[in-house]
């Protein structure tokens, strides 16, 4: 029963988020004027890409650390199993 309630809550949250939104002008007046004039749009685009790249770098570094730790743990387990097998042979 809890599982169904949890899934229902997630679905309702997604529906509310998708359909009950309002438009917002998220740019400050200076940024909007710079983009409309066309003088500084290249720098603004580079700044947006820079801000977009940071979360990906963080997530990829976390995945890499997890993978490296898992690989190290697997190797240690294999060495331990090999030592146990060699003890049984002797």
C-alpha atoms as a PDB file:
ATOM      1  CA  UNK A   1       0.000   0.000   0.000  1.00  0.00           C
ATOM      2  CA  UNK A   2       2.832   2.408   0.818  1.00  0.00           C
ATOM      3  CA  UNK A   3       4.437   1.712  -2.529  1.00  0.00           C
ATOM      4  CA  UNK A   4       1.292   2.669  -4.437  1.00  0.00           C
ATOM      5  CA  UNK A   5       0.902   5.854  -2.396  1.00  0.00           C
ATOM      6  CA  UNK A   6       4.516   6.816  -3.064  1.00  0.00           C
ATOM      7  CA  UNK A   7       4.163   6.262  -6.812  1.00  0.00           C
ATOM      8  CA  UNK A   8       0.893   8.219  -6.848  1.00  0.00           C
ATOM      9  CA  UNK A   9       2.580  11.114  -5.042  1.00  0.00           C
ATOM     10  CA  UNK A  10       5.417  11.155  -7.581  1.00  0.00           C
ATOM     11  CA  UNK A  11       2.996  11.078 -10.538  1.00  0.00           C
ATOM     12  CA  UNK A  12       0.901  13.884  -9.074  1.00  0.00           C
ATOM     13  CA  UNK A  13       4.014  15.969  -8.403  1.00  0.00           C
ATOM     14  CA  UNK A  14       5.129  15.535 -12.014  1.00  0.00           C
ATOM     15  CA  UNK A  15       1.676  16.446 -13.348  1.00  0.00           C
ATOM     16  CA  UNK A  16       1.463  19.537 -11.158  1.00  0.00           C
ATOM     17  CA  UNK A  17       4.968  20.587 -12.150  1.00  0.00           C
ATOM     18  CA  UNK A  18       4.294  20.174 -15.865  1.00  0.00           C
ATOM     19  CA  UNK A  19       0.849  21.704 -16.135  1.00  0.00           C
ATOM     20  CA  UNK A  20       0.630  24.291 -13.383  1.00  0.00           C
ATOM     21  CA  UNK A  21       3.383  26.648 -14.388  1.00  0.00           C
ATOM     22  CA  UNK A  22       3.583  30.343 -15.026  1.00  0.00           C
ATOM     23  CA  UNK A  23       5.891  32.149 -17.356  1.00  0.00           C
ATOM     24  CA  UNK A  24       8.666  34.103 -15.733  1.00  0.00           C
ATOM     25  CA  UNK A  25      11.167  36.573 -17.098  1.00  0.00           C
ATOM     26  CA  UNK A  26      14.252  35.206 -15.414  1.00  0.00           C
ATOM     27  CA  UNK A  27      16.681  37.648 -16.996  1.00  0.00           C
ATOM     28  CA  UNK A  28      17.725  40.850 -15.384  1.00  0.00           C
ATOM     29  CA  UNK A  29      17.321  44.037 -17.396  1.00  0.00           C
ATOM     30  CA  UNK A  30      21.058  44.298 -18.141  1.00  0.00           C
ATOM     31  CA  UNK A  31      21.303  40.738 -19.493  1.00  0.00           C
ATOM     32  CA  UNK A  32      18.186  41.181 -21.599  1.00  0.00           C
ATOM     33  CA  UNK A  33      19.487  44.451 -23.058  1.00  0.00           C
ATOM     34  CA  UNK A  34      22.878  42.867 -23.837  1.00  0.00           C
ATOM     35  CA  UNK A  35      21.295  39.970 -25.671  1.00  0.00           C
ATOM     36  CA  UNK A  36      18.931  42.194 -27.605  1.00  0.00           C
ATOM     37  CA  UNK A  37      21.716  44.538 -28.683  1.00  0.00           C
ATOM     38  CA  UNK A  38      23.865  41.637 -29.847  1.00  0.00           C
ATOM     39  CA  UNK A  39      27.129  43.058 -28.506  1.00  0.00           C
ATOM     40  CA  UNK A  40      27.738  40.632 -25.661  1.00  0.00           C
ATOM     41  CA  UNK A  41      25.690  37.622 -26.690  1.00  0.00           C
ATOM     42  CA  UNK A  42      28.787  35.481 -27.297  1.00  0.00           C
ATOM     43  CA  UNK A  43      29.986  36.006 -23.742  1.00  0.00           C
ATOM     44  CA  UNK A  44      26.532  35.309 -22.363  1.00  0.00           C
ATOM     45  CA  UNK A  45      26.351  32.055 -24.315  1.00  0.00           C
ATOM     46  CA  UNK A  46      29.758  30.992 -22.997  1.00  0.00           C
ATOM     47  CA  UNK A  47      28.627  31.779 -19.449  1.00  0.00           C
ATOM     48  CA  UNK A  48      25.510  29.666 -19.894  1.00  0.00           C
ATOM     49  CA  UNK A  49      27.588  26.767 -21.209  1.00  0.00           C
ATOM     50  CA  UNK A  50      29.986  27.138 -18.278  1.00  0.00           C
ATOM     51  CA  UNK A  51      27.121  26.964 -15.782  1.00  0.00           C
ATOM     52  CA  UNK A  52      25.643  24.003 -17.652  1.00  0.00           C
ATOM     53  CA  UNK A  53      28.932  22.105 -17.591  1.00  0.00           C
ATOM     54  CA  UNK A  54      29.531  22.251 -13.815  1.00  0.00           C
ATOM     55  CA  UNK A  55      26.786  19.762 -12.755  1.00  0.00           C
ATOM     56  CA  UNK A  56      27.911  17.290 -15.399  1.00  0.00           C
ATOM     57  CA  UNK A  57      31.493  17.432 -14.163  1.00  0.00           C
ATOM     58  CA  UNK A  58      30.358  16.869 -10.580  1.00  0.00           C
ATOM     59  CA  UNK A  59      28.155  13.903 -11.496  1.00  0.00           C
ATOM     60  CA  UNK A  60      30.808  12.327 -13.727  1.00  0.00           C
ATOM     61  CA  UNK A  61      33.454  12.644 -10.993  1.00  0.00           C
ATOM     62  CA  UNK A  62      31.085  10.980  -8.494  1.00  0.00           C
ATOM     63  CA  UNK A  63      30.446   8.124 -10.951  1.00  0.00           C
ATOM     64  CA  UNK A  64      34.175   7.736 -11.558  1.00  0.00           C
ATOM     65  CA  UNK A  65      34.922   7.568  -7.807  1.00  0.00           C
ATOM     66  CA  UNK A  66      32.151   4.988  -7.327  1.00  0.00           C
ATOM     67  CA  UNK A  67      33.468   2.903 -10.234  1.00  0.00           C
ATOM     68  CA  UNK A  68      37.067   3.058  -8.967  1.00  0.00           C
ATOM     69  CA  UNK A  69      35.988   2.058  -5.449  1.00  0.00           C
ATOM     70  CA  UNK A  70      33.860  -0.803  -6.771  1.00  0.00           C
ATOM     71  CA  UNK A  71      36.728  -2.033  -8.949  1.00  0.00           C
ATOM     72  CA  UNK A  72      39.114  -1.924  -5.981  1.00  0.00           C
ATOM     73  CA  UNK A  73      36.630  -3.802  -3.788  1.00  0.00           C
ATOM     74  CA  UNK A  74      36.077  -6.454  -6.466  1.00  0.00           C
ATOM     75  CA  UNK A  75      39.831  -6.949  -6.842  1.00  0.00           C
ATOM     76  CA  UNK A  76      40.262  -7.320  -3.081  1.00  0.00           C
ATOM     77  CA  UNK A  77      37.451  -9.880  -2.963  1.00  0.00           C
ATOM     78  CA  UNK A  78      39.044 -11.863  -5.799  1.00  0.00           C
ATOM     79  CA  UNK A  79      42.418 -11.832  -4.032  1.00  0.00           C
ATOM     80  CA  UNK A  80      40.792 -12.993  -0.799  1.00  0.00           C
ATOM     81  CA  UNK A  81      38.990 -15.837  -2.591  1.00  0.00           C
ATOM     82  CA  UNK A  82      42.216 -16.838  -4.341  1.00  0.00           C
ATOM     83  CA  UNK A  83      44.086 -16.934  -1.021  1.00  0.00           C
ATOM     84  CA  UNK A  84      41.349 -19.109   0.471  1.00  0.00           C
ATOM     85  CA  UNK A  85      41.603 -21.509  -2.470  1.00  0.00           C
ATOM     86  CA  UNK A  86      45.371 -21.684  -2.161  1.00  0.00           C
ATOM     87  CA  UNK A  87      45.058 -22.417   1.587  1.00  0.00           C
ATOM     88  CA  UNK A  88      42.710 -25.283   0.821  1.00  0.00           C
ATOM     89  CA  UNK A  89      45.174 -26.737  -1.714  1.00  0.00           C
ATOM     90  CA  UNK A  90      48.085 -26.663   0.729  1.00  0.00           C
END
